């Protein structure tokens, strides 16, 4: 298994949805919450909530 920020990569699929992985991918590329929300057709508050949920599930800060 590969360690990513202290989390086992093999267990990530049980903690994150495809939509959440897409959010991380787009946010990493754009480096902007507003642009990411626009590209994913969602609101910035909804994107922030999802990011907070991912961080809580993984036990680490993503951005």
N, C-alpha and C. Protein backbone atom coordinates (compact mmCIF):
# COMPACT_ATOMS: atom_id res chain seq x y z
N UNK A 1 0.83 -1.19 0.00
CA UNK A 1 0.00 0.00 0.00
C UNK A 1 0.87 1.25 0.00
N UNK A 2 0.33 2.31 -0.56
CA UNK A 2 1.03 3.59 -0.61
C UNK A 2 0.47 4.49 0.48
N UNK A 3 1.33 5.18 1.18
CA UNK A 3 0.89 6.12 2.21
C UNK A 3 0.73 7.49 1.59
N UNK A 4 -0.42 8.11 1.78
CA UNK A 4 -0.68 9.46 1.30
C UNK A 4 -1.12 10.28 2.49
N UNK A 5 -0.27 11.18 2.94
CA UNK A 5 -0.60 12.03 4.09
C UNK A 5 -0.99 11.22 5.32
N UNK A 6 -0.41 10.06 5.49
CA UNK A 6 -0.71 9.24 6.66
C UNK A 6 -1.89 8.30 6.47
N UNK A 7 -2.60 8.41 5.36
CA UNK A 7 -3.75 7.53 5.10
C UNK A 7 -3.34 6.45 4.10
N UNK A 8 -3.84 5.27 4.29
CA UNK A 8 -3.54 4.19 3.36
C UNK A 8 -4.31 4.43 2.06
N UNK A 9 -3.61 4.45 0.94
CA UNK A 9 -4.24 4.71 -0.35
C UNK A 9 -5.32 3.70 -0.65
N UNK A 10 -5.14 2.46 -0.25
CA UNK A 10 -6.13 1.43 -0.51
C UNK A 10 -7.44 1.64 0.20
N UNK A 11 -7.44 2.41 1.29
CA UNK A 11 -8.67 2.66 2.04
C UNK A 11 -9.36 3.94 1.63
N UNK A 12 -8.74 4.73 0.75
CA UNK A 12 -9.34 5.99 0.33
C UNK A 12 -10.66 5.78 -0.40
N UNK A 13 -10.77 4.71 -1.18
CA UNK A 13 -12.00 4.48 -1.93
C UNK A 13 -13.20 4.28 -1.01
N UNK A 14 -12.98 3.89 0.22
CA UNK A 14 -14.07 3.71 1.16
C UNK A 14 -14.43 5.01 1.86
N UNK A 15 -13.60 6.02 1.72
CA UNK A 15 -13.82 7.27 2.42
C UNK A 15 -14.26 8.40 1.50
N UNK A 16 -13.91 8.33 0.23
CA UNK A 16 -14.20 9.41 -0.71
C UNK A 16 -15.06 8.93 -1.87
N UNK A 17 -15.97 9.80 -2.29
CA UNK A 17 -16.79 9.51 -3.46
C UNK A 17 -16.07 9.98 -4.71
N UNK A 18 -16.54 9.53 -5.86
CA UNK A 18 -15.97 9.97 -7.12
C UNK A 18 -16.11 11.48 -7.27
N UNK A 19 -17.23 12.02 -6.84
CA UNK A 19 -17.45 13.47 -6.92
C UNK A 19 -16.43 14.22 -6.07
N UNK A 20 -16.13 13.69 -4.89
CA UNK A 20 -15.15 14.33 -4.02
C UNK A 20 -13.75 14.26 -4.62
N UNK A 21 -13.41 13.14 -5.23
CA UNK A 21 -12.11 13.02 -5.89
C UNK A 21 -12.00 14.00 -7.05
N UNK A 22 -13.10 14.18 -7.76
CA UNK A 22 -13.12 15.15 -8.86
C UNK A 22 -12.91 16.56 -8.31
N UNK A 23 -13.54 16.87 -7.18
CA UNK A 23 -13.36 18.16 -6.54
C UNK A 23 -11.89 18.41 -6.23
N UNK A 24 -11.22 17.43 -5.63
CA UNK A 24 -9.80 17.57 -5.28
C UNK A 24 -8.97 17.78 -6.54
N UNK A 25 -9.28 17.03 -7.59
CA UNK A 25 -8.53 17.14 -8.84
C UNK A 25 -8.67 18.54 -9.45
N UNK A 26 -9.90 19.02 -9.54
CA UNK A 26 -10.15 20.33 -10.15
C UNK A 26 -9.58 21.44 -9.27
N UNK A 27 -9.77 21.34 -7.96
CA UNK A 27 -9.24 22.36 -7.05
C UNK A 27 -7.72 22.39 -7.10
N UNK A 28 -7.09 21.25 -7.17
CA UNK A 28 -5.63 21.20 -7.29
C UNK A 28 -5.13 21.84 -8.57
N UNK A 29 -5.90 21.70 -9.63
CA UNK A 29 -5.52 22.29 -10.91
C UNK A 29 -5.78 23.79 -10.95
N UNK A 30 -6.96 24.20 -10.47
CA UNK A 30 -7.38 25.59 -10.57
C UNK A 30 -6.86 26.47 -9.42
N UNK A 31 -6.65 25.85 -8.24
CA UNK A 31 -6.20 26.58 -7.05
C UNK A 31 -7.13 27.75 -6.70
N UNK A 32 -8.41 27.56 -6.97
CA UNK A 32 -9.42 28.59 -6.70
C UNK A 32 -10.74 27.92 -6.36
N UNK A 33 -11.27 28.20 -5.15
CA UNK A 33 -12.57 27.63 -4.78
C UNK A 33 -13.68 28.13 -5.69
N UNK A 34 -13.64 29.42 -6.03
CA UNK A 34 -14.69 29.99 -6.88
C UNK A 34 -14.69 29.37 -8.27
N UNK A 35 -13.52 29.25 -8.87
CA UNK A 35 -13.42 28.66 -10.21
C UNK A 35 -13.80 27.18 -10.19
N UNK A 36 -13.38 26.47 -9.14
CA UNK A 36 -13.73 25.05 -9.00
C UNK A 36 -15.23 24.88 -8.88
N UNK A 37 -15.87 25.71 -8.06
CA UNK A 37 -17.32 25.64 -7.90
C UNK A 37 -18.02 25.89 -9.24
N UNK A 38 -17.53 26.87 -9.97
CA UNK A 38 -18.11 27.19 -11.28
C UNK A 38 -17.96 26.01 -12.24
N UNK A 39 -16.77 25.43 -12.31
CA UNK A 39 -16.52 24.31 -13.23
C UNK A 39 -17.32 23.07 -12.86
N UNK A 40 -17.57 22.87 -11.57
CA UNK A 40 -18.32 21.69 -11.12
C UNK A 40 -19.82 21.97 -10.97
N UNK A 41 -20.23 23.17 -11.37
CA UNK A 41 -21.65 23.56 -11.33
C UNK A 41 -22.24 23.40 -9.94
N UNK A 42 -21.55 23.96 -8.96
CA UNK A 42 -22.02 23.92 -7.58
C UNK A 42 -21.73 25.26 -6.93
N UNK A 43 -22.24 25.46 -5.74
CA UNK A 43 -21.98 26.72 -5.04
C UNK A 43 -20.67 26.61 -4.27
N UNK A 44 -20.09 27.76 -3.98
CA UNK A 44 -18.84 27.76 -3.21
C UNK A 44 -19.07 27.21 -1.79
N UNK A 45 -20.18 27.58 -1.11
CA UNK A 45 -20.41 26.99 0.22
C UNK A 45 -20.56 25.47 0.18
N UNK A 46 -21.21 24.93 -0.84
CA UNK A 46 -21.36 23.47 -0.96
C UNK A 46 -20.00 22.82 -1.18
N UNK A 47 -19.17 23.45 -1.98
CA UNK A 47 -17.83 22.94 -2.23
C UNK A 47 -17.01 22.96 -0.93
N UNK A 48 -17.11 24.02 -0.16
CA UNK A 48 -16.39 24.12 1.11
C UNK A 48 -16.85 23.05 2.09
N UNK A 49 -18.16 22.80 2.14
CA UNK A 49 -18.68 21.75 3.02
C UNK A 49 -18.12 20.38 2.62
N UNK A 50 -18.12 20.11 1.33
CA UNK A 50 -17.61 18.83 0.85
C UNK A 50 -16.12 18.68 1.17
N UNK A 51 -15.38 19.75 1.00
CA UNK A 51 -13.95 19.73 1.31
C UNK A 51 -13.74 19.47 2.81
N UNK A 52 -14.53 20.13 3.65
CA UNK A 52 -14.44 19.91 5.10
C UNK A 52 -14.77 18.46 5.46
N UNK A 53 -15.77 17.89 4.81
CA UNK A 53 -16.15 16.49 5.07
C UNK A 53 -15.03 15.54 4.67
N UNK A 54 -14.39 15.82 3.54
CA UNK A 54 -13.27 14.98 3.10
C UNK A 54 -12.12 15.05 4.09
N UNK A 55 -11.80 16.25 4.53
CA UNK A 55 -10.71 16.42 5.49
C UNK A 55 -11.01 15.69 6.79
N UNK A 56 -12.26 15.74 7.24
CA UNK A 56 -12.64 15.04 8.47
C UNK A 56 -12.54 13.52 8.28
N UNK A 57 -13.00 13.03 7.13
CA UNK A 57 -12.97 11.59 6.86
C UNK A 57 -11.54 11.06 6.78
N UNK A 58 -10.65 11.88 6.22
CA UNK A 58 -9.26 11.45 6.04
C UNK A 58 -8.38 11.79 7.24
N UNK A 59 -8.85 12.73 8.06
CA UNK A 59 -8.06 13.13 9.22
C UNK A 59 -6.85 13.98 8.86
N UNK A 60 -6.97 14.76 7.77
CA UNK A 60 -5.88 15.64 7.37
C UNK A 60 -6.41 16.84 6.61
N UNK A 61 -5.58 17.87 6.51
CA UNK A 61 -5.94 19.07 5.77
C UNK A 61 -5.48 18.90 4.33
N UNK A 62 -6.40 19.09 3.38
CA UNK A 62 -6.06 18.89 1.97
C UNK A 62 -5.52 20.16 1.33
N UNK A 63 -6.15 21.30 1.63
CA UNK A 63 -5.71 22.57 1.02
C UNK A 63 -5.67 23.65 2.07
